[in-house]
């Protein structure tokens, strides 16, 4: 049963403000302010991917 609960949890979508308030994203709050759109919802995986992609970009 926990596998099913985990799968459902992974697909839960949250708004920008939920990620900005989340303690696990405290060090990336400013970046989330810029990257996330107020009118959209995101899964945790989408946000983690956006952060990883942005951090992997070369500085120009």
C-alpha atoms as a PDB file:
ATOM      1  CA  UNK A   1       0.000   0.000   0.000  1.00  0.00           C
ATOM      2  CA  UNK A   2       2.842   2.429   0.723  1.00  0.00           C
ATOM      3  CA  UNK A   3       4.054   2.080  -2.882  1.00  0.00           C
ATOM      4  CA  UNK A   4       0.696   3.299  -4.140  1.00  0.00           C
ATOM      5  CA  UNK A   5       0.632   6.174  -1.662  1.00  0.00           C
ATOM      6  CA  UNK A   6       4.143   7.162  -2.717  1.00  0.00           C
ATOM      7  CA  UNK A   7       3.184   7.114  -6.410  1.00  0.00           C
ATOM      8  CA  UNK A   8       0.141   9.323  -5.763  1.00  0.00           C
ATOM      9  CA  UNK A   9       2.240  11.661  -3.622  1.00  0.00           C
ATOM     10  CA  UNK A  10       4.803  12.087  -6.412  1.00  0.00           C
ATOM     11  CA  UNK A  11       2.097  13.248  -8.820  1.00  0.00           C
ATOM     12  CA  UNK A  12       0.634  15.849  -6.469  1.00  0.00           C
ATOM     13  CA  UNK A  13       0.858  19.341  -7.909  1.00  0.00           C
ATOM     14  CA  UNK A  14       1.549  22.494  -5.928  1.00  0.00           C
ATOM     15  CA  UNK A  15       1.583  26.190  -6.662  1.00  0.00           C
ATOM     16  CA  UNK A  16       4.598  28.476  -6.661  1.00  0.00           C
ATOM     17  CA  UNK A  17       3.995  29.727  -3.120  1.00  0.00           C
ATOM     18  CA  UNK A  18       3.972  26.193  -1.677  1.00  0.00           C
ATOM     19  CA  UNK A  19       7.463  25.524  -3.041  1.00  0.00           C
ATOM     20  CA  UNK A  20       8.759  28.899  -1.887  1.00  0.00           C
ATOM     21  CA  UNK A  21       7.508  28.202   1.664  1.00  0.00           C
ATOM     22  CA  UNK A  22       8.792  24.600   1.760  1.00  0.00           C
ATOM     23  CA  UNK A  23      11.789  24.206   4.114  1.00  0.00           C
ATOM     24  CA  UNK A  24      13.539  21.823   1.710  1.00  0.00           C
ATOM     25  CA  UNK A  25      13.707  24.597  -0.915  1.00  0.00           C
ATOM     26  CA  UNK A  26      14.860  27.348   1.476  1.00  0.00           C
ATOM     27  CA  UNK A  27      18.252  27.763  -0.212  1.00  0.00           C
ATOM     28  CA  UNK A  28      16.607  28.078  -3.640  1.00  0.00           C
ATOM     29  CA  UNK A  29      13.770  30.472  -2.778  1.00  0.00           C
ATOM     30  CA  UNK A  30      15.069  33.375  -4.834  1.00  0.00           C
ATOM     31  CA  UNK A  31      15.627  31.112  -7.818  1.00  0.00           C
ATOM     32  CA  UNK A  32      12.123  29.647  -7.483  1.00  0.00           C
ATOM     33  CA  UNK A  33      10.685  33.187  -7.460  1.00  0.00           C
ATOM     34  CA  UNK A  34      12.156  33.682 -10.913  1.00  0.00           C
ATOM     35  CA  UNK A  35      11.714  30.213 -12.421  1.00  0.00           C
ATOM     36  CA  UNK A  36       8.162  29.349 -11.376  1.00  0.00           C
ATOM     37  CA  UNK A  37       5.009  30.849 -12.853  1.00  0.00           C
ATOM     38  CA  UNK A  38       2.350  32.026 -10.366  1.00  0.00           C
ATOM     39  CA  UNK A  39      -0.483  30.745 -12.598  1.00  0.00           C
ATOM     40  CA  UNK A  40       0.851  27.152 -12.916  1.00  0.00           C
ATOM     41  CA  UNK A  41       1.167  24.157 -10.642  1.00  0.00           C
ATOM     42  CA  UNK A  42       4.166  21.854 -10.531  1.00  0.00           C
ATOM     43  CA  UNK A  43       5.119  18.430  -9.246  1.00  0.00           C
ATOM     44  CA  UNK A  44       8.153  18.128  -6.995  1.00  0.00           C
ATOM     45  CA  UNK A  45       9.958  16.333  -9.819  1.00  0.00           C
ATOM     46  CA  UNK A  46       9.269  19.199 -12.257  1.00  0.00           C
ATOM     47  CA  UNK A  47      10.648  21.769  -9.812  1.00  0.00           C
ATOM     48  CA  UNK A  48      13.714  19.651  -9.047  1.00  0.00           C
ATOM     49  CA  UNK A  49      14.322  19.295 -12.784  1.00  0.00           C
ATOM     50  CA  UNK A  50      13.953  23.043 -13.416  1.00  0.00           C
ATOM     51  CA  UNK A  51      16.409  23.798 -10.619  1.00  0.00           C
ATOM     52  CA  UNK A  52      18.919  21.219 -11.877  1.00  0.00           C
ATOM     53  CA  UNK A  53      18.729  22.508 -15.447  1.00  0.00           C
ATOM     54  CA  UNK A  54      19.219  26.111 -14.353  1.00  0.00           C
ATOM     55  CA  UNK A  55      22.138  25.273 -12.080  1.00  0.00           C
ATOM     56  CA  UNK A  56      23.794  23.217 -14.858  1.00  0.00           C
ATOM     57  CA  UNK A  57      23.841  26.147 -17.305  1.00  0.00           C
ATOM     58  CA  UNK A  58      27.170  27.759 -17.994  1.00  0.00           C
ATOM     59  CA  UNK A  59      27.667  31.302 -16.860  1.00  0.00           C
ATOM     60  CA  UNK A  60      28.012  33.652 -19.825  1.00  0.00           C
END
